[in-house]
Structures are given as C-alpha cells and as structure tokens.
PDB file of N, CA and C in Angstrom:
ATOM      1  N   MET A   1       0.873  -1.249   0.139  1.00  0.00           N
ATOM      2  CA  MET A   1      -0.188  -0.094   0.009  1.00  0.00           C
ATOM      3  C   MET A   1       0.854   1.372  -0.012  1.00  0.00           C
ATOM      4  N   ARG A   2       1.862   0.922   1.383  1.00  0.00           N
ATOM      5  CA  ARG A   2       2.910   2.311   0.789  1.00  0.00           C
ATOM      6  C   ARG A   2       3.256   2.407  -0.266  1.00  0.00           C
ATOM      7  N   GLN A   3       3.920   1.528  -1.111  1.00  0.00           N
ATOM      8  CA  GLN A   3       4.249   1.368  -2.829  1.00  0.00           C
ATOM      9  C   GLN A   3       3.431   2.349  -3.639  1.00  0.00           C
ATOM     10  N   ARG A   4       2.269   2.226  -3.619  1.00  0.00           N
ATOM     11  CA  ARG A   4       1.002   2.396  -4.447  1.00  0.00           C
ATOM     12  C   ARG A   4       0.798   3.777  -3.648  1.00  0.00           C
ATOM     13  N   LEU A   5       1.222   4.442  -2.707  1.00  0.00           N
ATOM     14  CA  LEU A   5       0.824   5.665  -2.235  1.00  0.00           C
ATOM     15  C   LEU A   5       1.884   6.677  -2.971  1.00  0.00           C
ATOM     16  N   LEU A   6       2.941   6.333  -2.990  1.00  0.00           N
ATOM     17  CA  LEU A   6       3.950   6.993  -3.329  1.00  0.00           C
ATOM     18  C   LEU A   6       3.745   6.853  -4.774  1.00  0.00           C
ATOM     19  N   ASN A   7       3.838   5.862  -5.533  1.00  0.00           N
ATOM     20  CA  ASN A   7       3.181   6.338  -6.424  1.00  0.00           C
ATOM     21  C   ASN A   7       2.616   6.982  -7.399  1.00  0.00           C
ATOM     22  N   ILE A   8       1.512   7.343  -6.533  1.00  0.00           N
ATOM     23  CA  ILE A   8       0.550   8.484  -6.539  1.00  0.00           C
ATOM     24  C   ILE A   8       1.221   9.666  -6.733  1.00  0.00           C
ATOM     25  N   ALA A   9       1.845   9.948  -5.555  1.00  0.00           N
ATOM     26  CA  ALA A   9       2.311  11.038  -5.157  1.00  0.00           C
ATOM     27  C   ALA A   9       3.169  11.585  -6.580  1.00  0.00           C
ATOM     28  N   ILE A  10       3.761  10.757  -6.769  1.00  0.00           N
ATOM     29  CA  ILE A  10       5.050  11.257  -7.653  1.00  0.00           C
ATOM     30  C   ILE A  10       4.573  11.158  -9.159  1.00  0.00           C
ATOM     31  N   ALA A  11       3.234  10.640  -9.504  1.00  0.00           N
ATOM     32  CA  ALA A  11       2.753  11.130 -10.856  1.00  0.00           C
ATOM     33  C   ALA A  11       1.878  12.430 -10.823  1.00  0.00           C
ATOM     34  N   LEU A  12       1.587  12.518  -9.241  1.00  0.00           N
ATOM     35  CA  LEU A  12       0.833  14.021  -9.501  1.00  0.00           C
ATOM     36  C   LEU A  12       1.940  15.172  -9.378  1.00  0.00           C
ATOM     37  N   ASP A  13       3.066  14.660  -8.941  1.00  0.00           N
ATOM     38  CA  ASP A  13       4.321  16.067  -8.810  1.00  0.00           C
ATOM     39  C   ASP A  13       4.585  15.962 -10.177  1.00  0.00           C
ATOM     40  N   GLN A  14       4.695  15.217 -11.011  1.00  0.00           N
ATOM     41  CA  GLN A  14       5.086  14.887 -12.519  1.00  0.00           C
ATOM     42  C   GLN A  14       4.343  15.640 -12.806  1.00  0.00           C
ATOM     43  N   LEU A  15       2.926  15.468 -13.043  1.00  0.00           N
ATOM     44  CA  LEU A  15       1.664  16.044 -13.630  1.00  0.00           C
ATOM     45  C   LEU A  15       1.814  17.933 -13.181  1.00  0.00           C
ATOM     46  N   LEU A  16       1.743  17.634 -12.405  1.00  0.00           N
ATOM     47  CA  LEU A  16       1.862  19.101 -11.675  1.00  0.00           C
ATOM     48  C   LEU A  16       3.142  20.133 -12.562  1.00  0.00           C
ATOM     49  N   TRP A  17       4.174  19.427 -12.488  1.00  0.00           N
ATOM     50  CA  TRP A  17       5.631  20.036 -12.964  1.00  0.00           C
ATOM     51  C   TRP A  17       4.926  20.173 -14.935  1.00  0.00           C
ATOM     52  N   VAL A  18       4.341  19.004 -15.154  1.00  0.00           N
ATOM     53  CA  VAL A  18       4.420  19.876 -16.402  1.00  0.00           C
ATOM     54  C   VAL A  18       2.601  21.046 -16.760  1.00  0.00           C
ATOM     55  N   VAL A  19       2.183  20.852 -15.645  1.00  0.00           N
ATOM     56  CA  VAL A  19       0.841  21.745 -15.736  1.00  0.00           C
ATOM     57  C   VAL A  19       1.881  23.073 -15.238  1.00  0.00           C
ATOM     58  N   LEU A  20       2.584  23.406 -14.399  1.00  0.00           N
ATOM     59  CA  LEU A  20       3.357  24.507 -13.721  1.00  0.00           C
ATOM     60  C   LEU A  20       3.792  24.867 -15.175  1.00  0.00           C
ATOM     61  N   THR A  21       4.794  24.264 -16.195  1.00  0.00           N
ATOM     62  CA  THR A  21       5.384  24.874 -16.660  1.00  0.00           C
ATOM     63  C   THR A  21       4.923  25.095 -18.470  1.00  0.00           C
ATOM     64  N   LEU A  22       3.313  24.783 -18.006  1.00  0.00           N
ATOM     65  CA  LEU A  22       2.911  24.889 -19.722  1.00  0.00           C
ATOM     66  C   LEU A  22       2.896  24.078 -20.919  1.00  0.00           C
ATOM     67  N   GLY A  23       3.457  23.231 -20.166  1.00  0.00           N
ATOM     68  CA  GLY A  23       3.940  21.725 -20.872  1.00  0.00           C
ATOM     69  C   GLY A  23       5.002  21.881 -21.331  1.00  0.00           C
ATOM     70  N   LYS A  24       5.742  22.698 -21.025  1.00  0.00           N
ATOM     71  CA  LYS A  24       7.258  22.719 -21.032  1.00  0.00           C
ATOM     72  C   LYS A  24       8.623  21.881 -20.895  1.00  0.00           C
ATOM     73  N   GLY A  25       7.309  21.060 -19.273  1.00  0.00           N
ATOM     74  CA  GLY A  25       8.996  20.528 -18.351  1.00  0.00           C
ATOM     75  C   GLY A  25       8.250  18.964 -18.725  1.00  0.00           C
ATOM     76  N   MET A  26       9.536  17.999 -18.787  1.00  0.00           N
ATOM     77  CA  MET A  26       9.841  16.698 -19.012  1.00  0.00           C
ATOM     78  C   MET A  26       8.904  16.199 -18.113  1.00  0.00           C
ATOM     79  N   PRO A  27       7.730  15.255 -19.016  1.00  0.00           N
ATOM     80  CA  PRO A  27       6.985  14.647 -18.292  1.00  0.00           C
ATOM     81  C   PRO A  27       7.419  13.382 -17.298  1.00  0.00           C
ATOM     82  N   ASP A  28       8.562  13.157 -17.242  1.00  0.00           N
ATOM     83  CA  ASP A  28       9.034  11.655 -16.282  1.00  0.00           C
ATOM     84  C   ASP A  28       9.583  12.444 -15.371  1.00  0.00           C
ATOM     85  N   GLU A  29       9.655  14.117 -14.971  1.00  0.00           N
ATOM     86  CA  GLU A  29      10.702  14.983 -14.519  1.00  0.00           C
ATOM     87  C   GLU A  29       9.885  15.407 -13.012  1.00  0.00           C
ATOM     88  N   THR A  30      10.587  14.874 -12.169  1.00  0.00           N
ATOM     89  CA  THR A  30       9.856  15.931 -10.565  1.00  0.00           C
ATOM     90  C   THR A  30      10.105  16.935 -10.535  1.00  0.00           C
ATOM     91  N   ILE A  31       8.933  17.889  -9.683  1.00  0.00           N
ATOM     92  CA  ILE A  31       9.180  19.213  -9.575  1.00  0.00           C
ATOM     93  C   ILE A  31      10.884  19.599  -9.055  1.00  0.00           C
ATOM     94  N   SER A  32      10.991  18.579  -7.880  1.00  0.00           N
ATOM     95  CA  SER A  32      12.321  18.522  -7.287  1.00  0.00           C
ATOM     96  C   SER A  32      13.942  18.221  -7.862  1.00  0.00           C
ATOM     97  N   ALA A  33      13.356  17.373  -8.842  1.00  0.00           N
ATOM     98  CA  ALA A  33      14.916  16.962 -10.101  1.00  0.00           C
ATOM     99  C   ALA A  33      15.327  18.054 -10.620  1.00  0.00           C
ATOM    100  N   ALA A  34      13.785  18.877 -11.017  1.00  0.00           N
ATOM    101  CA  ALA A  34      13.604  20.045 -12.407  1.00  0.00           C
ATOM    102  C   ALA A  34      14.759  20.835 -11.318  1.00  0.00           C
ATOM    103  N   ALA A  35      13.729  21.251  -9.861  1.00  0.00           N
ATOM    104  CA  ALA A  35      14.437  22.654  -9.220  1.00  0.00           C
ATOM    105  C   ALA A  35      16.293  22.304  -9.037  1.00  0.00           C
ATOM    106  N   TYR A  36      16.655  21.086  -8.687  1.00  0.00           N
ATOM    107  CA  TYR A  36      17.877  21.003  -8.620  1.00  0.00           C
ATOM    108  C   TYR A  36      18.435  21.149 -10.270  1.00  0.00           C
ATOM    109  N   ARG A  37      18.287  20.419 -11.096  1.00  0.00           N
ATOM    110  CA  ARG A  37      18.867  20.890 -12.135  1.00  0.00           C
ATOM    111  C   ARG A  37      18.639  22.353 -12.920  1.00  0.00           C
ATOM    112  N   MET A  38      18.100  22.739 -12.774  1.00  0.00           N
ATOM    113  CA  MET A  38      17.840  23.868 -12.875  1.00  0.00           C
ATOM    114  C   MET A  38      18.086  25.175 -12.331  1.00  0.00           C
ATOM    115  N   GLU A  39      18.958  24.613 -11.032  1.00  0.00           N
ATOM    116  CA  GLU A  39      19.978  25.416 -10.164  1.00  0.00           C
ATOM    117  C   GLU A  39      21.256  25.036 -10.667  1.00  0.00           C
ATOM    118  N   GLN A  40      21.820  23.656 -10.750  1.00  0.00           N
ATOM    119  CA  GLN A  40      22.433  23.909 -11.696  1.00  0.00           C
ATOM    120  C   GLN A  40      22.940  24.253 -13.107  1.00  0.00           C
ATOM    121  N   GLN A  41      21.703  24.623 -13.700  1.00  0.00           N
ATOM    122  CA  GLN A  41      22.099  25.485 -14.562  1.00  0.00           C
ATOM    123  C   GLN A  41      22.042  26.837 -14.657  1.00  0.00           C
ATOM    124  N   GLY A  42      22.249  27.780 -13.671  1.00  0.00           N
ATOM    125  CA  GLY A  42      22.244  28.661 -13.082  1.00  0.00           C
ATOM    126  C   GLY A  42      21.017  29.490 -13.276  1.00  0.00           C
ATOM    127  N   LYS A  43      19.707  29.257 -13.160  1.00  0.00           N
ATOM    128  CA  LYS A  43      18.468  29.677 -13.490  1.00  0.00           C
ATOM    129  C   LYS A  43      18.021  29.895 -12.052  1.00  0.00           C
ATOM    130  N   LEU A  44      17.013  31.175 -12.125  1.00  0.00           N
ATOM    131  CA  LEU A  44      16.679  32.115 -11.223  1.00  0.00           C
ATOM    132  C   LEU A  44      15.847  30.821 -10.258  1.00  0.00           C
ATOM    133  N   ALA A  45      15.236  29.955 -11.176  1.00  0.00           N
ATOM    134  CA  ALA A  45      13.581  29.479 -10.397  1.00  0.00           C
ATOM    135  C   ALA A  45      14.499  28.134  -9.943  1.00  0.00           C
ATOM    136  N   GLY A  46      15.471  27.638 -10.233  1.00  0.00           N
ATOM    137  CA  GLY A  46      15.837  26.886  -9.501  1.00  0.00           C
ATOM    138  C   GLY A  46      16.769  27.151  -8.453  1.00  0.00           C
ATOM    139  N   ARG A  47      17.658  28.741  -8.391  1.00  0.00           N
ATOM    140  CA  ARG A  47      17.898  28.797  -6.974  1.00  0.00           C
ATOM    141  C   ARG A  47      17.050  29.421  -5.663  1.00  0.00           C
ATOM    142  N   VAL A  48      15.764  29.726  -6.626  1.00  0.00           N
ATOM    143  CA  VAL A  48      14.604  29.990  -5.503  1.00  0.00           C
ATOM    144  C   VAL A  48      13.598  28.698  -5.209  1.00  0.00           C
ATOM    145  N   LEU A  49      13.395  27.519  -5.622  1.00  0.00           N
ATOM    146  CA  LEU A  49      12.819  26.468  -5.666  1.00  0.00           C
ATOM    147  C   LEU A  49      13.449  25.760  -4.504  1.00  0.00           C
ATOM    148  N   ARG A  50      14.929  24.966  -5.149  1.00  0.00           N
ATOM    149  CA  ARG A  50      15.610  24.367  -4.335  1.00  0.00           C
ATOM    150  C   ARG A  50      15.665  24.463  -2.982  1.00  0.00           C
ATOM    151  N   PRO A  51      16.553  25.236  -2.342  1.00  0.00           N
ATOM    152  CA  PRO A  51      15.938  25.616  -1.014  1.00  0.00           C
ATOM    153  C   PRO A  51      15.089  25.325  -0.461  1.00  0.00           C
ATOM    154  N   ILE A  52      13.587  25.789  -0.757  1.00  0.00           N
ATOM    155  CA  ILE A  52      12.451  25.395  -0.787  1.00  0.00           C
ATOM    156  C   ILE A  52      12.133  23.994  -0.037  1.00  0.00           C
ATOM    157  N   ILE A  53      12.292  23.701  -1.373  1.00  0.00           N
ATOM    158  CA  ILE A  53      11.802  22.296  -1.166  1.00  0.00           C
ATOM    159  C   ILE A  53      12.929  21.197  -1.024  1.00  0.00           C
ATOM    160  N   ASP A  54      13.759  21.051  -0.652  1.00  0.00           N
ATOM    161  CA  ASP A  54      14.876  20.780   0.229  1.00  0.00           C
ATOM    162  C   ASP A  54      14.548  21.152   1.968  1.00  0.00           C
ATOM    163  N   ALA A  55      14.282  21.955   2.564  1.00  0.00           N
ATOM    164  CA  ALA A  55      14.071  22.596   3.396  1.00  0.00           C
ATOM    165  C   ALA A  55      12.721  21.712   4.288  1.00  0.00           C
ATOM    166  N   LEU A  56      11.458  21.860   3.238  1.00  0.00           N
ATOM    167  CA  LEU A  56      10.243  20.704   3.258  1.00  0.00           C
ATOM    168  C   LEU A  56      10.190  19.397   3.464  1.00  0.00           C
ATOM    169  N   PHE A  57      11.383  18.840   2.680  1.00  0.00           N
ATOM    170  CA  PHE A  57      11.862  17.919   2.917  1.00  0.00           C
ATOM    171  C   PHE A  57      12.783  17.133   3.504  1.00  0.00           C
ATOM    172  N   ARG A  58      13.411  18.214   4.779  1.00  0.00           N
ATOM    173  CA  ARG A  58      14.413  18.279   5.798  1.00  0.00           C
ATOM    174  C   ARG A  58      14.105  16.979   6.844  1.00  0.00           C
ATOM    175  N   PRO A  59      13.140  16.978   7.046  1.00  0.00           N
ATOM    176  CA  PRO A  59      12.795  15.543   8.162  1.00  0.00           C
ATOM    177  C   PRO A  59      12.679  14.172   7.708  1.00  0.00           C
ATOM    178  N   LEU A  60      12.976  14.179   6.220  1.00  0.00           N
ATOM    179  CA  LEU A  60      12.563  12.994   5.581  1.00  0.00           C
ATOM    180  C   LEU A  60      13.893  12.665   4.730  1.00  0.00           C
ATOM    181  N   GLU A  61      14.718  13.438   4.266  1.00  0.00           N
ATOM    182  CA  GLU A  61      16.122  13.354   3.995  1.00  0.00           C
ATOM    183  C   GLU A  61      16.242  14.565   3.776  1.00  0.00           C
ATOM    184  N   ARG A  62      17.935  14.603   3.916  1.00  0.00           N
ATOM    185  CA  ARG A  62      19.035  15.657   3.249  1.00  0.00           C
ATOM    186  C   ARG A  62      18.842  15.675   2.138  1.00  0.00           C
ATOM    187  N   ASP A  63      19.418  16.705   1.210  1.00  0.00           N
ATOM    188  CA  ASP A  63      19.731  16.963  -0.288  1.00  0.00           C
ATOM    189  C   ASP A  63      18.530  16.382  -1.162  1.00  0.00           C
ATOM    190  N   HIS A  64      17.298  16.517  -0.813  1.00  0.00           N
ATOM    191  CA  HIS A  64      16.329  15.804  -1.545  1.00  0.00           C
ATOM    192  C   HIS A  64      16.117  16.040  -2.889  1.00  0.00           C
ATOM    193  N   CYS A  65      16.586  17.285  -3.458  1.00  0.00           N
ATOM    194  CA  CYS A  65      16.652  17.976  -4.662  1.00  0.00           C
ATOM    195  C   CYS A  65      17.225  16.549  -5.023  1.00  0.00           C
ATOM    196  N   ARG A  66      19.256  16.683  -4.565  1.00  0.00           N
ATOM    197  CA  ARG A  66      20.077  16.310  -5.807  1.00  0.00           C
ATOM    198  C   ARG A  66      19.568  15.175  -5.895  1.00  0.00           C
ATOM    199  N   LEU A  67      18.926  14.513  -5.021  1.00  0.00           N
ATOM    200  CA  LEU A  67      19.292  13.005  -4.691  1.00  0.00           C
ATOM    201  C   LEU A  67      17.918  12.429  -5.387  1.00  0.00           C
ATOM    202  N   SER A  68      16.889  13.685  -5.857  1.00  0.00           N
ATOM    203  CA  SER A  68      15.560  13.149  -6.742  1.00  0.00           C
ATOM    204  C   SER A  68      16.646  13.397  -8.455  1.00  0.00           C
ATOM    205  N   TYR A  69      17.098  14.166  -8.743  1.00  0.00           N
ATOM    206  CA  TYR A  69      17.873  14.542 -10.039  1.00  0.00           C
ATOM    207  C   TYR A  69      18.385  13.031 -10.225  1.00  0.00           C
ATOM    208  N   TRP A  70      19.586  12.691  -9.433  1.00  0.00           N
ATOM    209  CA  TRP A  70      20.098  11.386  -9.542  1.00  0.00           C
ATOM    210  C   TRP A  70      20.050   9.917  -9.839  1.00  0.00           C
ATOM    211  N   SER A  71      18.124  10.078  -8.772  1.00  0.00           N
ATOM    212  CA  SER A  71      17.544   8.995  -8.695  1.00  0.00           C
ATOM    213  C   SER A  71      16.723   8.829 -10.761  1.00  0.00           C
ATOM    214  N   GLU A  72      16.472  10.315 -11.458  1.00  0.00           N
ATOM    215  CA  GLU A  72      16.112  10.033 -12.515  1.00  0.00           C
ATOM    216  C   GLU A  72      17.205   9.856 -13.715  1.00  0.00           C
ATOM    217  N   ILE A  73      18.514  10.543 -12.748  1.00  0.00           N
ATOM    218  CA  ILE A  73      19.117  10.736 -14.211  1.00  0.00           C
ATOM    219  C   ILE A  73      19.453   8.796 -14.114  1.00  0.00           C
ATOM    220  N   MET A  74      19.730   7.912 -12.936  1.00  0.00           N
ATOM    221  CA  MET A  74      20.135   6.446 -12.817  1.00  0.00           C
ATOM    222  C   MET A  74      18.605   5.477 -12.846  1.00  0.00           C
ATOM    223  N   GLY A  75      18.058   6.088 -13.388  1.00  0.00           N
ATOM    224  CA  GLY A  75      17.014   5.715 -13.861  1.00  0.00           C
ATOM    225  C   GLY A  75      16.047   4.927 -12.337  1.00  0.00           C
ATOM    226  N   HIS A  76      16.040   4.686 -11.710  1.00  0.00           N
ATOM    227  CA  HIS A  76      15.839   4.282 -10.446  1.00  0.00           C
ATOM    228  C   HIS A  76      13.574   3.963 -10.270  1.00  0.00           C
ATOM    229  N   GLN A  77      13.349   5.310 -10.839  1.00  0.00           N
ATOM    230  CA  GLN A  77      11.852   5.345 -10.820  1.00  0.00           C
ATOM    231  C   GLN A  77      11.121   4.410 -11.894  1.00  0.00           C
ATOM    232  N   LEU A  78      12.419   3.536 -12.672  1.00  0.00           N
ATOM    233  CA  LEU A  78      11.879   2.999 -13.815  1.00  0.00           C
ATOM    234  C   LEU A  78      11.563   1.517 -13.625  1.00  0.00           C
ATOM    235  N   PRO A  79      10.339   0.892 -13.912  1.00  0.00           N
ATOM    236  CA  PRO A  79      10.162  -0.504 -13.099  1.00  0.00           C
ATOM    237  C   PRO A  79      11.489  -1.310 -14.046  1.00  0.00           C
ATOM    238  N   THR A  80      11.719  -2.900 -13.514  1.00  0.00           N
ATOM    239  CA  THR A  80      13.203  -3.332 -13.575  1.00  0.00           C
ATOM    240  C   THR A  80      13.039  -3.838 -15.109  1.00  0.00           C
ATOM    241  N   ILE A  81      11.998  -3.794 -16.025  1.00  0.00           N
ATOM    242  CA  ILE A  81      11.622  -4.331 -17.355  1.00  0.00           C
ATOM    243  C   ILE A  81      12.449  -3.094 -18.361  1.00  0.00           C
ATOM    244  N   TYR A  82      12.239  -1.885 -17.275  1.00  0.00           N
ATOM    245  CA  TYR A  82      12.508  -1.266 -18.684  1.00  0.00           C
ATOM    246  C   TYR A  82      14.132  -0.332 -18.258  1.00  0.00           C
ATOM    247  N   ARG A  83      14.931  -0.767 -17.444  1.00  0.00           N
ATOM    248  CA  ARG A  83      16.333  -0.608 -17.043  1.00  0.00           C
ATOM    249  C   ARG A  83      17.343  -0.952 -18.048  1.00  0.00           C
ATOM    250  N   CYS A  84      18.164   0.080 -18.155  1.00  0.00           N
ATOM    251  CA  CYS A  84      19.270  -1.201 -19.558  1.00  0.00           C
ATOM    252  C   CYS A  84      18.943  -1.387 -20.790  1.00  0.00           C
ATOM    253  N   ARG A  85      17.881  -1.343 -21.092  1.00  0.00           N
ATOM    254  CA  ARG A  85      17.011  -1.527 -22.372  1.00  0.00           C
ATOM    255  C   ARG A  85      17.720  -0.655 -23.676  1.00  0.00           C
ATOM    256  N   HIS A  86      19.064  -1.912 -23.664  1.00  0.00           N
ATOM    257  CA  HIS A  86      19.525  -0.939 -25.430  1.00  0.00           C
ATOM    258  C   HIS A  86      19.224  -1.193 -26.800  1.00  0.00           C
ATOM    259  N   ASP A  87      18.662  -2.663 -26.503  1.00  0.00           N
ATOM    260  CA  ASP A  87      18.455  -2.740 -28.671  1.00  0.00           C
ATOM    261  C   ASP A  87      16.884  -3.041 -28.035  1.00  0.00           C
ATOM    262  N   ILE A  88      15.923  -1.751 -29.034  1.00  0.00           N
ATOM    263  CA  ILE A  88      14.548  -1.958 -28.627  1.00  0.00           C
ATOM    264  C   ILE A  88      13.576  -3.454 -30.123  1.00  0.00           C
ATOM    265  N   ARG A  89      14.591  -4.207 -30.813  1.00  0.00           N
ATOM    266  CA  ARG A  89      14.076  -5.323 -31.338  1.00  0.00           C
ATOM    267  C   ARG A  89      14.660  -6.252 -30.634  1.00  0.00           C
ATOM    268  N   ASP A  90      14.705  -6.456 -28.961  1.00  0.00           N
ATOM    269  CA  ASP A  90      14.265  -8.075 -28.829  1.00  0.00           C
ATOM    270  C   ASP A  90      13.158  -8.501 -28.697  1.00  0.00           C
TER     271      ASP A  90
END
C-alpha cells in the first residue's frame, strides 16, 4: 500500500510540473529533480525553488532535490523491465 501511495504522489508531482510549465517541463521529471537541474544550470527558478523544497523535505531526507535528480538520471524510478534496455528489437 505504501508503494502505491508513493507512486500516486510521484505521478501527481510530475503532472503538476508539466502543468506549471505549460507543457514545457519534461513529463517524467519531478519538481524536485527539475529544481536541482535548473539550479545547476544557473536559472533563478532553481535557485529559489531548490532551497525551499529541500527545507520542506529536510525531516525526511537531506539533499532531497539532488537525490531526486540523480534518481532520475540513474533510472531508479523505472520498472526493472525498462532498465538498461539498449536494443529495442529484442
């Protein structure tokens, strides 16, 4: 049940990010990962959002946005069947 609730929360987060960016945001990216990415790119939105989000998540984990970003990069959110698939002709 916990995993199902987490899946729903992440899906809503991703949807909210796409809606907030009027469709410009990446559909599989969470707000936290986007905030970290934008901060690394030197964008004002990232420099504002990342510290706020990290402060909100501080009771749960340190460096939430950075961890979210690297989770996206590493594909941790993907089901096992979709990880490390290099040849789509299998």
